[in-house]
Amino acid sequence: MNNKVSVVVTCYNHEKYIAKCIKSIFEQTYQNIELIVFNDGSTDRSGDIISSLLLESPFKETKYFSGANQG
């Protein structure tokens, strides 16, 4: 199977949980994954955690978007 799977993660002030979420995706055995992470204007350390973890992404296509909270 060579089908690409898109995994979309949304985050707003989830600094306690976001690392575990992203690491869990990294540990998947299927590797043809496009990882897309949206940070919806978090006011905690979520953005810093996401940025540092995505440097270790095992996937060719990893995208990170961050902006003002949209609700």
PDB file of N, CA and C in Angstrom:
ATOM      1  N   MET A   1       0.843  -1.174   0.000  1.00  0.00           N
ATOM      2  CA  MET A   1       0.000   0.000   0.000  1.00  0.00           C
ATOM      3  C   MET A   1       0.892   1.242   0.000  1.00  0.00           C
ATOM      4  N   ASN A   2       0.682   2.133  -0.957  1.00  0.00           N
ATOM      5  CA  ASN A   2       1.461   3.354  -1.051  1.00  0.00           C
ATOM      6  C   ASN A   2       0.608   4.595  -0.881  1.00  0.00           C
ATOM      7  N   ASN A   3      -0.621   4.426  -0.440  1.00  0.00           N
ATOM      8  CA  ASN A   3      -1.504   5.566  -0.284  1.00  0.00           C
ATOM      9  C   ASN A   3      -1.015   6.484   0.828  1.00  0.00           C
ATOM     10  N   LYS A   4      -1.044   7.787   0.536  1.00  0.00           N
ATOM     11  CA  LYS A   4      -0.647   8.756   1.550  1.00  0.00           C
ATOM     12  C   LYS A   4      -1.808   8.994   2.506  1.00  0.00           C
ATOM     13  N   VAL A   5      -1.477   9.097   3.778  1.00  0.00           N
ATOM     14  CA  VAL A   5      -2.449   9.395   4.808  1.00  0.00           C
ATOM     15  C   VAL A   5      -2.116  10.769   5.372  1.00  0.00           C
ATOM     16  N   SER A   6      -3.105  11.646   5.416  1.00  0.00           N
ATOM     17  CA  SER A   6      -2.918  12.967   6.024  1.00  0.00           C
ATOM     18  C   SER A   6      -3.379  12.903   7.468  1.00  0.00           C
ATOM     19  N   VAL A   7      -2.499  13.314   8.370  1.00  0.00           N
ATOM     20  CA  VAL A   7      -2.835  13.377   9.786  1.00  0.00           C
ATOM     21  C   VAL A   7      -2.844  14.857  10.164  1.00  0.00           C
ATOM     22  N   VAL A   8      -3.988  15.324  10.641  1.00  0.00           N
ATOM     23  CA  VAL A   8      -4.145  16.728  10.988  1.00  0.00           C
ATOM     24  C   VAL A   8      -4.317  16.839  12.503  1.00  0.00           C
ATOM     25  N   VAL A   9      -3.476  17.675  13.112  1.00  0.00           N
ATOM     26  CA  VAL A   9      -3.528  17.901  14.557  1.00  0.00           C
ATOM     27  C   VAL A   9      -3.853  19.373  14.784  1.00  0.00           C
ATOM     28  N   THR A  10      -4.865  19.633  15.585  1.00  0.00           N
ATOM     29  CA  THR A  10      -5.176  21.008  15.966  1.00  0.00           C
ATOM     30  C   THR A  10      -4.830  21.194  17.433  1.00  0.00           C
ATOM     31  N   CYS A  11      -4.417  22.400  17.772  1.00  0.00           N
ATOM     32  CA  CYS A  11      -3.985  22.641  19.146  1.00  0.00           C
ATOM     33  C   CYS A  11      -4.366  24.046  19.591  1.00  0.00           C
ATOM     34  N   TYR A  12      -4.900  24.142  20.787  1.00  0.00           N
ATOM     35  CA  TYR A  12      -5.086  25.426  21.464  1.00  0.00           C
ATOM     36  C   TYR A  12      -4.831  25.193  22.943  1.00  0.00           C
ATOM     37  N   ASN A  13      -3.715  25.687  23.407  1.00  0.00           N
ATOM     38  CA  ASN A  13      -3.327  25.591  24.826  1.00  0.00           C
ATOM     39  C   ASN A  13      -3.331  24.147  25.347  1.00  0.00           C
ATOM     40  N   HIS A  14      -2.630  23.287  24.641  1.00  0.00           N
ATOM     41  CA  HIS A  14      -2.528  21.882  25.048  1.00  0.00           C
ATOM     42  C   HIS A  14      -1.082  21.499  25.375  1.00  0.00           C
ATOM     43  N   GLU A  15      -0.355  22.387  26.031  1.00  0.00           N
ATOM     44  CA  GLU A  15       1.054  22.101  26.301  1.00  0.00           C
ATOM     45  C   GLU A  15       1.257  20.819  27.105  1.00  0.00           C
ATOM     46  N   LYS A  16       0.297  20.420  27.891  1.00  0.00           N
ATOM     47  CA  LYS A  16       0.434  19.195  28.685  1.00  0.00           C
ATOM     48  C   LYS A  16       0.316  17.928  27.839  1.00  0.00           C
ATOM     49  N   TYR A  17      -0.326  18.024  26.676  1.00  0.00           N
ATOM     50  CA  TYR A  17      -0.653  16.838  25.895  1.00  0.00           C
ATOM     51  C   TYR A  17      -0.051  16.790  24.496  1.00  0.00           C
ATOM     52  N   ILE A  18       0.348  17.928  23.946  1.00  0.00           N
ATOM     53  CA  ILE A  18       0.727  17.981  22.533  1.00  0.00           C
ATOM     54  C   ILE A  18       1.970  17.146  22.218  1.00  0.00           C
ATOM     55  N   ALA A  19       2.927  17.092  23.124  1.00  0.00           N
ATOM     56  CA  ALA A  19       4.143  16.300  22.870  1.00  0.00           C
ATOM     57  C   ALA A  19       3.787  14.820  22.741  1.00  0.00           C
ATOM     58  N   LYS A  20       2.963  14.316  23.640  1.00  0.00           N
ATOM     59  CA  LYS A  20       2.568  12.911  23.587  1.00  0.00           C
ATOM     60  C   LYS A  20       1.807  12.611  22.298  1.00  0.00           C
ATOM     61  N   CYS A  21       0.966  13.525  21.887  1.00  0.00           N
ATOM     62  CA  CYS A  21       0.196  13.360  20.656  1.00  0.00           C
ATOM     63  C   CYS A  21       1.125  13.256  19.444  1.00  0.00           C
ATOM     64  N   ILE A  22       2.034  14.204  19.314  1.00  0.00           N
ATOM     65  CA  ILE A  22       2.925  14.227  18.155  1.00  0.00           C
ATOM     66  C   ILE A  22       3.876  13.042  18.158  1.00  0.00           C
ATOM     67  N   LYS A  23       4.424  12.699  19.315  1.00  0.00           N
ATOM     68  CA  LYS A  23       5.325  11.540  19.400  1.00  0.00           C
ATOM     69  C   LYS A  23       4.599  10.255  19.025  1.00  0.00           C
ATOM     70  N   SER A  24       3.334  10.153  19.388  1.00  0.00           N
ATOM     71  CA  SER A  24       2.539   8.979  19.030  1.00  0.00           C
ATOM     72  C   SER A  24       2.404   8.853  17.509  1.00  0.00           C
ATOM     73  N   ILE A  25       2.237   9.971  16.841  1.00  0.00           N
ATOM     74  CA  ILE A  25       2.151   9.950  15.375  1.00  0.00           C
ATOM     75  C   ILE A  25       3.495   9.542  14.782  1.00  0.00           C
ATOM     76  N   PHE A  26       4.591  10.063  15.325  1.00  0.00           N
ATOM     77  CA  PHE A  26       5.930   9.705  14.850  1.00  0.00           C
ATOM     78  C   PHE A  26       6.184   8.206  14.947  1.00  0.00           C
ATOM     79  N   GLU A  27       5.578   7.545  15.915  1.00  0.00           N
ATOM     80  CA  GLU A  27       5.832   6.124  16.176  1.00  0.00           C
ATOM     81  C   GLU A  27       4.992   5.181  15.316  1.00  0.00           C
ATOM     82  N   GLN A  28       4.182   5.708  14.430  1.00  0.00           N
ATOM     83  CA  GLN A  28       3.360   4.855  13.580  1.00  0.00           C
ATOM     84  C   GLN A  28       4.239   4.013  12.660  1.00  0.00           C
ATOM     85  N   THR A  29       3.829   2.777  12.415  1.00  0.00           N
ATOM     86  CA  THR A  29       4.612   1.911  11.546  1.00  0.00           C
ATOM     87  C   THR A  29       4.423   2.275  10.077  1.00  0.00           C
ATOM     88  N   TYR A  30       3.256   2.779   9.727  1.00  0.00           N
ATOM     89  CA  TYR A  30       3.013   3.238   8.363  1.00  0.00           C
ATOM     90  C   TYR A  30       3.664   4.604   8.219  1.00  0.00           C
ATOM     91  N   GLN A  31       4.518   4.767   7.235  1.00  0.00           N
ATOM     92  CA  GLN A  31       5.310   5.987   7.153  1.00  0.00           C
ATOM     93  C   GLN A  31       4.933   6.940   6.019  1.00  0.00           C
ATOM     94  N   ASN A  32       4.023   6.558   5.137  1.00  0.00           N
ATOM     95  CA  ASN A  32       3.638   7.466   4.058  1.00  0.00           C
ATOM     96  C   ASN A  32       2.565   8.419   4.589  1.00  0.00           C
ATOM     97  N   ILE A  33       3.015   9.296   5.484  1.00  0.00           N
ATOM     98  CA  ILE A  33       2.127  10.204   6.203  1.00  0.00           C
ATOM     99  C   ILE A  33       2.503  11.644   5.902  1.00  0.00           C
ATOM    100  N   GLU A  34       1.487  12.455   5.693  1.00  0.00           N
ATOM    101  CA  GLU A  34       1.635  13.901   5.618  1.00  0.00           C
ATOM    102  C   GLU A  34       1.110  14.427   6.952  1.00  0.00           C
ATOM    103  N   LEU A  35       1.978  15.053   7.732  1.00  0.00           N
ATOM    104  CA  LEU A  35       1.593  15.564   9.048  1.00  0.00           C
ATOM    105  C   LEU A  35       1.362  17.066   8.947  1.00  0.00           C
ATOM    106  N   ILE A  36       0.176  17.492   9.357  1.00  0.00           N
ATOM    107  CA  ILE A  36      -0.193  18.906   9.341  1.00  0.00           C
ATOM    108  C   ILE A  36      -0.617  19.283  10.763  1.00  0.00           C
ATOM    109  N   VAL A  37       0.053  20.287  11.318  1.00  0.00           N
ATOM    110  CA  VAL A  37      -0.247  20.723  12.686  1.00  0.00           C
ATOM    111  C   VAL A  37      -0.691  22.189  12.650  1.00  0.00           C
ATOM    112  N   PHE A  38      -1.838  22.459  13.252  1.00  0.00           N
ATOM    113  CA  PHE A  38      -2.367  23.814  13.367  1.00  0.00           C
ATOM    114  C   PHE A  38      -2.342  24.235  14.834  1.00  0.00           C
ATOM    115  N   ASN A  39      -1.696  25.334  15.117  1.00  0.00           N
ATOM    116  CA  ASN A  39      -1.720  25.918  16.451  1.00  0.00           C
ATOM    117  C   ASN A  39      -2.612  27.148  16.371  1.00  0.00           C
ATOM    118  N   ASP A  40      -3.748  27.075  17.019  1.00  0.00           N
ATOM    119  CA  ASP A  40      -4.770  28.121  16.920  1.00  0.00           C
ATOM    120  C   ASP A  40      -4.562  29.210  17.970  1.00  0.00           C
ATOM    121  N   GLY A  41      -3.386  29.837  17.937  1.00  0.00           N
ATOM    122  CA  GLY A  41      -3.125  30.985  18.809  1.00  0.00           C
ATOM    123  C   GLY A  41      -2.951  30.644  20.271  1.00  0.00           C
ATOM    124  N   SER A  42      -2.343  29.515  20.560  1.00  0.00           N
ATOM    125  CA  SER A  42      -2.117  29.126  21.955  1.00  0.00           C
ATOM    126  C   SER A  42      -1.352  30.212  22.707  1.00  0.00           C
ATOM    127  N   THR A  43      -1.725  30.391  23.966  1.00  0.00           N
ATOM    128  CA  THR A  43      -1.042  31.373  24.813  1.00  0.00           C
ATOM    129  C   THR A  43      -0.111  30.704  25.815  1.00  0.00           C
ATOM    130  N   ASP A  44      -0.031  29.390  25.770  1.00  0.00           N
ATOM    131  CA  ASP A  44       0.894  28.660  26.636  1.00  0.00           C
ATOM    132  C   ASP A  44       2.130  28.285  25.814  1.00  0.00           C
ATOM    133  N   ARG A  45       2.869  27.280  26.218  1.00  0.00           N
ATOM    134  CA  ARG A  45       4.101  26.872  25.529  1.00  0.00           C
ATOM    135  C   ARG A  45       3.861  25.889  24.379  1.00  0.00           C
ATOM    136  N   SER A  46       2.637  25.690  23.980  1.00  0.00           N
ATOM    137  CA  SER A  46       2.328  24.727  22.921  1.00  0.00           C
ATOM    138  C   SER A  46       3.132  24.978  21.650  1.00  0.00           C
ATOM    139  N   GLY A  47       3.209  26.211  21.221  1.00  0.00           N
ATOM    140  CA  GLY A  47       3.926  26.546  19.990  1.00  0.00           C
ATOM    141  C   GLY A  47       5.395  26.167  20.042  1.00  0.00           C
ATOM    142  N   ASP A  48       6.043  26.446  21.163  1.00  0.00           N
ATOM    143  CA  ASP A  48       7.456  26.092  21.330  1.00  0.00           C
ATOM    144  C   ASP A  48       7.651  24.579  21.304  1.00  0.00           C
ATOM    145  N   ILE A  49       6.767  23.868  21.963  1.00  0.00           N
ATOM    146  CA  ILE A  49       6.848  22.409  22.023  1.00  0.00           C
ATOM    147  C   ILE A  49       6.667  21.824  20.621  1.00  0.00           C
ATOM    148  N   ILE A  50       5.669  22.303  19.915  1.00  0.00           N
ATOM    149  CA  ILE A  50       5.406  21.811  18.558  1.00  0.00           C
ATOM    150  C   ILE A  50       6.605  22.075  17.661  1.00  0.00           C
ATOM    151  N   SER A  51       7.096  23.295  17.668  1.00  0.00           N
ATOM    152  CA  SER A  51       8.231  23.665  16.804  1.00  0.00           C
ATOM    153  C   SER A  51       9.442  22.782  17.036  1.00  0.00           C
ATOM    154  N   SER A  52       9.763  22.535  18.297  1.00  0.00           N
ATOM    155  CA  SER A  52      10.950  21.717  18.581  1.00  0.00           C
ATOM    156  C   SER A  52      10.735  20.257  18.203  1.00  0.00           C
ATOM    157  N   LEU A  53       9.545  19.728  18.430  1.00  0.00           N
ATOM    158  CA  LEU A  53       9.276  18.332  18.084  1.00  0.00           C
ATOM    159  C   LEU A  53       9.250  18.099  16.582  1.00  0.00           C
ATOM    160  N   LEU A  54       8.725  19.027  15.837  1.00  0.00           N
ATOM    161  CA  LEU A  54       8.615  18.828  14.390  1.00  0.00           C
ATOM    162  C   LEU A  54       9.972  18.801  13.700  1.00  0.00           C
ATOM    163  N   LEU A  55      11.005  19.280  14.363  1.00  0.00           N
ATOM    164  CA  LEU A  55      12.358  19.165  13.814  1.00  0.00           C
ATOM    165  C   LEU A  55      12.786  17.700  13.710  1.00  0.00           C
ATOM    166  N   GLU A  56      12.162  16.845  14.507  1.00  0.00           N
ATOM    167  CA  GLU A  56      12.479  15.418  14.534  1.00  0.00           C
ATOM    168  C   GLU A  56      11.520  14.583  13.685  1.00  0.00           C
ATOM    169  N   SER A  57      10.656  15.220  12.938  1.00  0.00           N
ATOM    170  CA  SER A  57       9.639  14.492  12.190  1.00  0.00           C
ATOM    171  C   SER A  57      10.266  13.494  11.213  1.00  0.00           C
ATOM    172  N   PRO A  58       9.789  12.251  11.229  1.00  0.00           N
ATOM    173  CA  PRO A  58      10.297  11.249  10.304  1.00  0.00           C
ATOM    174  C   PRO A  58       9.615  11.304   8.933  1.00  0.00           C
ATOM    175  N   PHE A  59       8.674  12.214   8.768  1.00  0.00           N
ATOM    176  CA  PHE A  59       7.887  12.268   7.543  1.00  0.00           C
ATOM    177  C   PHE A  59       8.417  13.330   6.589  1.00  0.00           C
ATOM    178  N   LYS A  60       8.389  12.987   5.296  1.00  0.00           N
ATOM    179  CA  LYS A  60       8.821  13.929   4.254  1.00  0.00           C
ATOM    180  C   LYS A  60       8.004  15.207   4.282  1.00  0.00           C
ATOM    181  N   GLU A  61       6.704  15.034   4.428  1.00  0.00           N
ATOM    182  CA  GLU A  61       5.796  16.180   4.401  1.00  0.00           C
ATOM    183  C   GLU A  61       5.270  16.480   5.797  1.00  0.00           C
ATOM    184  N   THR A  62       5.831  17.518   6.384  1.00  0.00           N
ATOM    185  CA  THR A  62       5.399  17.968   7.696  1.00  0.00           C
ATOM    186  C   THR A  62       5.174  19.469   7.599  1.00  0.00           C
ATOM    187  N   LYS A  63       3.973  19.901   7.925  1.00  0.00           N
ATOM    188  CA  LYS A  63       3.634  21.316   7.817  1.00  0.00           C
ATOM    189  C   LYS A  63       3.120  21.828   9.157  1.00  0.00           C
ATOM    190  N   TYR A  64       3.506  23.046   9.485  1.00  0.00           N
ATOM    191  CA  TYR A  64       3.088  23.658  10.740  1.00  0.00           C
ATOM    192  C   TYR A  64       2.534  25.050  10.456  1.00  0.00           C
ATOM    193  N   PHE A  65       1.343  25.293  10.952  1.00  0.00           N
ATOM    194  CA  PHE A  65       0.689  26.590  10.791  1.00  0.00           C
ATOM    195  C   PHE A  65       0.343  27.124  12.167  1.00  0.00           C
ATOM    196  N   SER A  66       0.578  28.401  12.378  1.00  0.00           N
ATOM    197  CA  SER A  66       0.269  29.024  13.645  1.00  0.00           C
ATOM    198  C   SER A  66      -0.221  30.437  13.379  1.00  0.00           C
ATOM    199  N   GLY A  67      -1.228  30.839  14.081  1.00  0.00           N
ATOM    200  CA  GLY A  67      -1.753  32.189  13.898  1.00  0.00           C
ATOM    201  C   GLY A  67      -2.630  32.584  15.053  1.00  0.00           C
ATOM    202  N   ALA A  68      -3.304  33.705  14.911  1.00  0.00           N
ATOM    203  CA  ALA A  68      -4.208  34.186  15.948  1.00  0.00           C
ATOM    204  C   ALA A  68      -5.362  33.211  16.128  1.00  0.00           C
ATOM    205  N   ASN A  69      -5.877  33.152  17.335  1.00  0.00           N
ATOM    206  CA  ASN A  69      -6.963  32.241  17.654  1.00  0.00           C
ATOM    207  C   ASN A  69      -8.186  32.533  16.782  1.00  0.00           C
ATOM    208  N   GLN A  70      -8.692  31.479  16.137  1.00  0.00           N
ATOM    209  CA  GLN A  70      -9.859  31.593  15.280  1.00  0.00           C
ATOM    210  C   GLN A  70     -11.093  30.947  15.878  1.00  0.00           C
ATOM    211  N   GLY A  71     -10.905  30.309  17.032  1.00  0.00           N
ATOM    212  CA  GLY A  71     -12.032  29.667  17.699  1.00  0.00           C
ATOM    213  C   GLY A  71     -12.387  28.331  17.126  1.00  0.00           C
TER     214      GLY A  71
END
